[in-house]
């Protein structure tokens, strides 16, 4: 899944303020987890897939933070969770060979999503799995910018930081964009669309792959 970024801080696009140039990307420790989760929850509050899964505000605020923790837990364990400033923006990367805890994810959905909607949701995740590259790759399950801080270059800075390592290692990067507005941003950073995932009433999700430069 991917989350609203709406930042245009890359060459060839306009931006009101590119404050991210003055702020370093940091690696999160265990003490930073709550701040990063909060930033991603704010960012995803208008994400089509997140709000399709939890359309009611109370349900979203109750259950989505735990989903972020499950999806991104191994990024914190691997030292590949990054943020900027006071967690205005965060990206949770999984290195090659590391995947989210699928058993915990399924248990979370079974306990928080109405039973009549679970088959569709699980079918979406099944299709997502079919697009994951077989070769070793970096996976970006979650990236987001606090809506109050969007348009300042944070998203691009987080991407550049991680993609530099991908290029050094010669390793591709993979993500799923659940917000169509962010696809052009990813394309400017070298990601290419692999297809479209859509089941029943679900919003479209776009799997994207970037080959190492």
C-alpha atoms as a PDB file:
ATOM      1  CA  UNK A   1       0.000   0.000   0.000  1.00  0.00           C
ATOM      2  CA  UNK A   2       0.978   3.574  -0.582  1.00  0.00           C
ATOM      3  CA  UNK A   3      -0.219   6.784   0.861  1.00  0.00           C
ATOM      4  CA  UNK A   4      -0.829  10.424  -0.003  1.00  0.00           C
ATOM      5  CA  UNK A   5       2.395  12.327  -0.553  1.00  0.00           C
ATOM      6  CA  UNK A   6       1.380  15.055  -2.984  1.00  0.00           C
ATOM      7  CA  UNK A   7       4.843  16.532  -3.035  1.00  0.00           C
ATOM      8  CA  UNK A   8       6.378  17.926  -6.162  1.00  0.00           C
ATOM      9  CA  UNK A   9       9.906  18.484  -4.949  1.00  0.00           C
ATOM     10  CA  UNK A  10      11.613  16.922  -7.978  1.00  0.00           C
ATOM     11  CA  UNK A  11      13.146  18.487 -11.095  1.00  0.00           C
ATOM     12  CA  UNK A  12      10.662  19.606 -13.691  1.00  0.00           C
ATOM     13  CA  UNK A  13       7.827  20.304 -11.276  1.00  0.00           C
ATOM     14  CA  UNK A  14       6.764  23.249  -9.163  1.00  0.00           C
ATOM     15  CA  UNK A  15       6.747  23.427  -5.405  1.00  0.00           C
ATOM     16  CA  UNK A  16       5.783  26.233  -3.051  1.00  0.00           C
ATOM     17  CA  UNK A  17       8.483  25.481  -0.511  1.00  0.00           C
ATOM     18  CA  UNK A  18      11.230  22.867  -0.737  1.00  0.00           C
ATOM     19  CA  UNK A  19      12.196  22.845   2.920  1.00  0.00           C
ATOM     20  CA  UNK A  20      13.224  19.189   2.741  1.00  0.00           C
ATOM     21  CA  UNK A  21      16.582  20.242   1.253  1.00  0.00           C
ATOM     22  CA  UNK A  22      17.505  21.637   4.657  1.00  0.00           C
ATOM     23  CA  UNK A  23      16.440  18.571   6.671  1.00  0.00           C
ATOM     24  CA  UNK A  24      18.343  15.294   6.829  1.00  0.00           C
ATOM     25  CA  UNK A  25      16.739  11.888   6.438  1.00  0.00           C
ATOM     26  CA  UNK A  26      17.099   9.948   9.691  1.00  0.00           C
ATOM     27  CA  UNK A  27      16.900   6.257  10.516  1.00  0.00           C
ATOM     28  CA  UNK A  28      14.240   5.484  13.100  1.00  0.00           C
ATOM     29  CA  UNK A  29      14.930   3.722  16.363  1.00  0.00           C
ATOM     30  CA  UNK A  30      12.433   1.887  18.527  1.00  0.00           C
ATOM     31  CA  UNK A  31      11.658   5.102  20.382  1.00  0.00           C
ATOM     32  CA  UNK A  32      10.565   6.793  17.156  1.00  0.00           C
ATOM     33  CA  UNK A  33       7.947   4.247  16.155  1.00  0.00           C
ATOM     34  CA  UNK A  34       4.899   5.980  17.654  1.00  0.00           C
ATOM     35  CA  UNK A  35       5.749   9.276  15.926  1.00  0.00           C
ATOM     36  CA  UNK A  36       6.209   7.619  12.548  1.00  0.00           C
ATOM     37  CA  UNK A  37       2.992   5.643  12.900  1.00  0.00           C
ATOM     38  CA  UNK A  38       1.116   8.855  13.731  1.00  0.00           C
ATOM     39  CA  UNK A  39       2.488  10.624  10.642  1.00  0.00           C
ATOM     40  CA  UNK A  40       1.498   7.749   8.364  1.00  0.00           C
ATOM     41  CA  UNK A  41      -1.977   7.537   9.903  1.00  0.00           C
ATOM     42  CA  UNK A  42      -2.468  11.243   9.157  1.00  0.00           C
ATOM     43  CA  UNK A  43      -1.158  10.817   5.616  1.00  0.00           C
ATOM     44  CA  UNK A  44      -3.455   7.892   4.887  1.00  0.00           C
ATOM     45  CA  UNK A  45      -6.588   9.611   6.176  1.00  0.00           C
ATOM     46  CA  UNK A  46      -7.498  10.488   2.571  1.00  0.00           C
ATOM     47  CA  UNK A  47      -5.966   7.426   0.914  1.00  0.00           C
ATOM     48  CA  UNK A  48      -8.569   5.642  -1.261  1.00  0.00           C
ATOM     49  CA  UNK A  49      -7.577   2.103  -0.261  1.00  0.00           C
ATOM     50  CA  UNK A  50      -7.179   2.874   3.435  1.00  0.00           C
ATOM     51  CA  UNK A  51     -10.585   4.549   3.624  1.00  0.00           C
ATOM     52  CA  UNK A  52     -12.215   1.809   1.556  1.00  0.00           C
ATOM     53  CA  UNK A  53     -10.927  -0.648   4.158  1.00  0.00           C
ATOM     54  CA  UNK A  54     -11.984   1.541   7.102  1.00  0.00           C
ATOM     55  CA  UNK A  55     -14.570   4.051   5.792  1.00  0.00           C
ATOM     56  CA  UNK A  56     -15.922   5.165   9.177  1.00  0.00           C
ATOM     57  CA  UNK A  57     -13.697   7.733  10.927  1.00  0.00           C
ATOM     58  CA  UNK A  58     -13.893   5.953  14.284  1.00  0.00           C
ATOM     59  CA  UNK A  59     -13.014   2.608  12.721  1.00  0.00           C
ATOM     60  CA  UNK A  60     -10.109   4.140  10.812  1.00  0.00           C
ATOM     61  CA  UNK A  61      -8.627   5.837  13.869  1.00  0.00           C
ATOM     62  CA  UNK A  62      -9.062   2.724  15.989  1.00  0.00           C
ATOM     63  CA  UNK A  63      -7.679   0.115  13.586  1.00  0.00           C
ATOM     64  CA  UNK A  64      -5.369   1.736  11.050  1.00  0.00           C
ATOM     65  CA  UNK A  65      -2.545   2.534  13.507  1.00  0.00           C
ATOM     66  CA  UNK A  66      -2.259  -1.168  14.344  1.00  0.00           C
ATOM     67  CA  UNK A  67      -2.214  -1.999  10.638  1.00  0.00           C
ATOM     68  CA  UNK A  68       0.700   0.403  10.141  1.00  0.00           C
ATOM     69  CA  UNK A  69       2.561  -1.198  13.037  1.00  0.00           C
ATOM     70  CA  UNK A  70       2.068  -4.683  11.601  1.00  0.00           C
ATOM     71  CA  UNK A  71       2.910  -3.681   8.028  1.00  0.00           C
ATOM     72  CA  UNK A  72       6.000  -1.748   9.081  1.00  0.00           C
ATOM     73  CA  UNK A  73       7.230  -3.710  12.091  1.00  0.00           C
ATOM     74  CA  UNK A  74      10.051  -5.403  10.238  1.00  0.00           C
ATOM     75  CA  UNK A  75      11.266  -2.091   8.834  1.00  0.00           C
ATOM     76  CA  UNK A  76      11.915  -0.941  12.400  1.00  0.00           C
ATOM     77  CA  UNK A  77      13.532  -4.281  13.209  1.00  0.00           C
ATOM     78  CA  UNK A  78      15.812  -4.058  10.155  1.00  0.00           C
ATOM     79  CA  UNK A  79      16.764  -0.414  10.644  1.00  0.00           C
ATOM     80  CA  UNK A  80      15.143   0.578   7.338  1.00  0.00           C
ATOM     81  CA  UNK A  81      12.449   2.925   8.658  1.00  0.00           C
ATOM     82  CA  UNK A  82      13.302   6.515   7.738  1.00  0.00           C
ATOM     83  CA  UNK A  83      11.840   9.882   8.675  1.00  0.00           C
ATOM     84  CA  UNK A  84      12.455  13.610   8.403  1.00  0.00           C
ATOM     85  CA  UNK A  85      12.301  16.385  10.958  1.00  0.00           C
ATOM     86  CA  UNK A  86       9.899  15.708  13.815  1.00  0.00           C
ATOM     87  CA  UNK A  87       8.387  12.807  11.853  1.00  0.00           C
ATOM     88  CA  UNK A  88       6.637  15.090   9.379  1.00  0.00           C
ATOM     89  CA  UNK A  89       7.252  12.320   6.844  1.00  0.00           C
ATOM     90  CA  UNK A  90       8.110   8.640   7.086  1.00  0.00           C
ATOM     91  CA  UNK A  91       8.996   5.733   4.812  1.00  0.00           C
ATOM     92  CA  UNK A  92       9.075   2.118   5.975  1.00  0.00           C
ATOM     93  CA  UNK A  93      11.233   0.024   3.638  1.00  0.00           C
ATOM     94  CA  UNK A  94      11.748  -3.732   3.736  1.00  0.00           C
ATOM     95  CA  UNK A  95      15.120  -4.997   2.471  1.00  0.00           C
ATOM     96  CA  UNK A  96      15.523  -7.904   0.048  1.00  0.00           C
ATOM     97  CA  UNK A  97      14.251 -11.168   1.488  1.00  0.00           C
ATOM     98  CA  UNK A  98      12.087  -9.504   4.148  1.00  0.00           C
ATOM     99  CA  UNK A  99       8.297  -9.444   3.841  1.00  0.00           C
ATOM    100  CA  UNK A 100       5.507  -8.136   6.074  1.00  0.00           C
ATOM    101  CA  UNK A 101       4.077 -10.540   8.641  1.00  0.00           C
ATOM    102  CA  UNK A 102       1.270 -11.930   6.481  1.00  0.00           C
ATOM    103  CA  UNK A 103      -0.194 -14.059   9.266  1.00  0.00           C
ATOM    104  CA  UNK A 104      -0.499 -11.028  11.545  1.00  0.00           C
ATOM    105  CA  UNK A 105      -1.970  -8.949   8.716  1.00  0.00           C
ATOM    106  CA  UNK A 106      -4.664 -11.505   7.953  1.00  0.00           C
ATOM    107  CA  UNK A 107      -5.524 -11.874  11.639  1.00  0.00           C
ATOM    108  CA  UNK A 108      -5.799  -8.095  11.945  1.00  0.00           C
ATOM    109  CA  UNK A 109      -8.188  -7.844   8.998  1.00  0.00           C
ATOM    110  CA  UNK A 110     -10.278 -10.757  10.225  1.00  0.00           C
ATOM    111  CA  UNK A 111     -10.735  -8.968  13.519  1.00  0.00           C
ATOM    112  CA  UNK A 112     -11.370  -5.450  12.198  1.00  0.00           C
ATOM    113  CA  UNK A 113     -13.033  -5.687   8.759  1.00  0.00           C
ATOM    114  CA  UNK A 114     -16.695  -6.780   8.405  1.00  0.00           C
ATOM    115  CA  UNK A 115     -16.909 -10.434   7.403  1.00  0.00           C
ATOM    116  CA  UNK A 116     -18.840  -9.644   4.218  1.00  0.00           C
ATOM    117  CA  UNK A 117     -15.939  -7.479   2.990  1.00  0.00           C
ATOM    118  CA  UNK A 118     -13.066  -9.798   3.839  1.00  0.00           C
ATOM    119  CA  UNK A 119     -13.141 -11.953   0.693  1.00  0.00           C
ATOM    120  CA  UNK A 120     -12.711  -8.889  -1.517  1.00  0.00           C
ATOM    121  CA  UNK A 121      -9.927  -7.500   0.654  1.00  0.00           C
ATOM    122  CA  UNK A 122      -8.054 -10.802   0.705  1.00  0.00           C
ATOM    123  CA  UNK A 123      -8.425 -11.083  -3.077  1.00  0.00           C
ATOM    124  CA  UNK A 124      -6.778  -7.665  -3.411  1.00  0.00           C
ATOM    125  CA  UNK A 125      -3.839  -8.810  -1.302  1.00  0.00           C
ATOM    126  CA  UNK A 126      -3.583 -12.024  -3.310  1.00  0.00           C
ATOM    127  CA  UNK A 127      -3.239  -9.990  -6.504  1.00  0.00           C
ATOM    128  CA  UNK A 128      -0.689  -7.727  -4.838  1.00  0.00           C
ATOM    129  CA  UNK A 129       1.407 -10.787  -4.088  1.00  0.00           C
ATOM    130  CA  UNK A 130       1.330 -11.836  -7.735  1.00  0.00           C
ATOM    131  CA  UNK A 131       3.073  -8.615  -8.781  1.00  0.00           C
ATOM    132  CA  UNK A 132       5.930  -8.836  -6.294  1.00  0.00           C
ATOM    133  CA  UNK A 133       9.178  -9.517  -8.172  1.00  0.00           C
ATOM    134  CA  UNK A 134      10.702 -12.962  -7.776  1.00  0.00           C
ATOM    135  CA  UNK A 135      14.197 -11.490  -7.741  1.00  0.00           C
ATOM    136  CA  UNK A 136      15.625  -9.841  -4.602  1.00  0.00           C
ATOM    137  CA  UNK A 137      14.189  -6.336  -4.230  1.00  0.00           C
ATOM    138  CA  UNK A 138      13.520  -3.518  -1.800  1.00  0.00           C
ATOM    139  CA  UNK A 139       9.828  -3.185  -0.931  1.00  0.00           C
ATOM    140  CA  UNK A 140       8.146   0.047   0.153  1.00  0.00           C
ATOM    141  CA  UNK A 141       4.859  -0.905   1.840  1.00  0.00           C
ATOM    142  CA  UNK A 142       4.320   2.485   3.504  1.00  0.00           C
ATOM    143  CA  UNK A 143       5.355   6.063   2.855  1.00  0.00           C
ATOM    144  CA  UNK A 144       3.490   9.181   3.850  1.00  0.00           C
ATOM    145  CA  UNK A 145       3.728  12.876   4.642  1.00  0.00           C
ATOM    146  CA  UNK A 146       1.672  14.703   7.251  1.00  0.00           C
ATOM    147  CA  UNK A 147      -0.975  16.578   5.189  1.00  0.00           C
ATOM    148  CA  UNK A 148       0.029  19.821   6.934  1.00  0.00           C
ATOM    149  CA  UNK A 149       3.564  19.374   5.547  1.00  0.00           C
ATOM    150  CA  UNK A 150       2.858  18.234   1.995  1.00  0.00           C
ATOM    151  CA  UNK A 151       4.285  20.068  -0.989  1.00  0.00           C
ATOM    152  CA  UNK A 152       7.651  20.714   0.685  1.00  0.00           C
ATOM    153  CA  UNK A 153       9.740  17.963  -0.889  1.00  0.00           C
ATOM    154  CA  UNK A 154       9.657  15.447   1.955  1.00  0.00           C
ATOM    155  CA  UNK A 155       8.364  12.550  -0.119  1.00  0.00           C
ATOM    156  CA  UNK A 156      10.971  13.027  -2.826  1.00  0.00           C
ATOM    157  CA  UNK A 157      13.756  13.335  -0.262  1.00  0.00           C
ATOM    158  CA  UNK A 158      12.745  10.071   1.388  1.00  0.00           C
ATOM    159  CA  UNK A 159      12.611   8.321  -1.973  1.00  0.00           C
ATOM    160  CA  UNK A 160      15.991   9.659  -3.097  1.00  0.00           C
ATOM    161  CA  UNK A 161      17.591   8.529   0.146  1.00  0.00           C
ATOM    162  CA  UNK A 162      16.496   4.910  -0.237  1.00  0.00           C
ATOM    163  CA  UNK A 163      16.803   4.670  -4.012  1.00  0.00           C
ATOM    164  CA  UNK A 164      20.424   5.777  -3.806  1.00  0.00           C
ATOM    165  CA  UNK A 165      21.133   2.578  -1.903  1.00  0.00           C
ATOM    166  CA  UNK A 166      19.156   0.535  -4.429  1.00  0.00           C
ATOM    167  CA  UNK A 167      21.356   1.923  -7.199  1.00  0.00           C
ATOM    168  CA  UNK A 168      24.538   1.256  -5.251  1.00  0.00           C
ATOM    169  CA  UNK A 169      23.474  -2.352  -4.649  1.00  0.00           C
ATOM    170  CA  UNK A 170      22.044  -2.848  -8.134  1.00  0.00           C
ATOM    171  CA  UNK A 171      18.730  -3.915  -6.593  1.00  0.00           C
ATOM    172  CA  UNK A 172      15.244  -3.035  -7.904  1.00  0.00           C
ATOM    173  CA  UNK A 173      12.598  -1.339  -5.766  1.00  0.00           C
ATOM    174  CA  UNK A 174       8.905  -2.237  -5.688  1.00  0.00           C
ATOM    175  CA  UNK A 175       5.782  -0.558  -4.305  1.00  0.00           C
ATOM    176  CA  UNK A 176       2.028  -0.458  -4.710  1.00  0.00           C
ATOM    177  CA  UNK A 177       0.481   2.984  -5.190  1.00  0.00           C
ATOM    178  CA  UNK A 178      -2.993   3.136  -3.682  1.00  0.00           C
ATOM    179  CA  UNK A 179      -3.370   6.832  -4.492  1.00  0.00           C
ATOM    180  CA  UNK A 180      -3.439   7.630  -8.240  1.00  0.00           C
ATOM    181  CA  UNK A 181      -2.280  11.186  -7.509  1.00  0.00           C
ATOM    182  CA  UNK A 182       1.124   9.856  -6.467  1.00  0.00           C
ATOM    183  CA  UNK A 183       1.851   7.815  -9.589  1.00  0.00           C
ATOM    184  CA  UNK A 184       3.511  10.724 -11.474  1.00  0.00           C
ATOM    185  CA  UNK A 185       5.815  11.331  -8.505  1.00  0.00           C
ATOM    186  CA  UNK A 186       6.955   7.732  -8.509  1.00  0.00           C
ATOM    187  CA  UNK A 187       7.406   7.794 -12.261  1.00  0.00           C
ATOM    188  CA  UNK A 188       9.687  10.819 -11.948  1.00  0.00           C
ATOM    189  CA  UNK A 189      11.822   8.740  -9.613  1.00  0.00           C
ATOM    190  CA  UNK A 190      12.089   5.928 -12.142  1.00  0.00           C
ATOM    191  CA  UNK A 191       9.216   3.620 -11.192  1.00  0.00           C
ATOM    192  CA  UNK A 192       7.223   1.992 -13.987  1.00  0.00           C
ATOM    193  CA  UNK A 193       3.618   0.786 -13.834  1.00  0.00           C
ATOM    194  CA  UNK A 194       3.255  -3.000 -13.917  1.00  0.00           C
ATOM    195  CA  UNK A 195      -0.536  -3.200 -14.057  1.00  0.00           C
ATOM    196  CA  UNK A 196      -3.675  -2.464 -12.046  1.00  0.00           C
ATOM    197  CA  UNK A 197      -5.190  -4.328  -9.103  1.00  0.00           C
ATOM    198  CA  UNK A 198      -8.928  -3.948  -8.608  1.00  0.00           C
ATOM    199  CA  UNK A 199     -11.484  -6.362  -7.153  1.00  0.00           C
ATOM    200  CA  UNK A 200     -15.192  -5.701  -6.703  1.00  0.00           C
ATOM    201  CA  UNK A 201     -15.713  -2.321  -5.064  1.00  0.00           C
ATOM    202  CA  UNK A 202     -12.044  -1.794  -4.223  1.00  0.00           C
ATOM    203  CA  UNK A 203     -10.260   1.305  -5.538  1.00  0.00           C
ATOM    204  CA  UNK A 204      -7.468   0.641  -8.045  1.00  0.00           C
ATOM    205  CA  UNK A 205      -4.011  -0.125  -6.724  1.00  0.00           C
ATOM    206  CA  UNK A 206      -1.026   0.294  -9.040  1.00  0.00           C
ATOM    207  CA  UNK A 207       2.003  -1.969  -8.612  1.00  0.00           C
ATOM    208  CA  UNK A 208       5.216  -0.245  -9.704  1.00  0.00           C
ATOM    209  CA  UNK A 209       8.816  -1.372 -10.178  1.00  0.00           C
ATOM    210  CA  UNK A 210      12.041   0.594 -10.455  1.00  0.00           C
ATOM    211  CA  UNK A 211      15.151  -0.992 -11.892  1.00  0.00           C
ATOM    212  CA  UNK A 212      18.452   0.055 -10.371  1.00  0.00           C
ATOM    213  CA  UNK A 213      20.086   2.914 -12.225  1.00  0.00           C
END
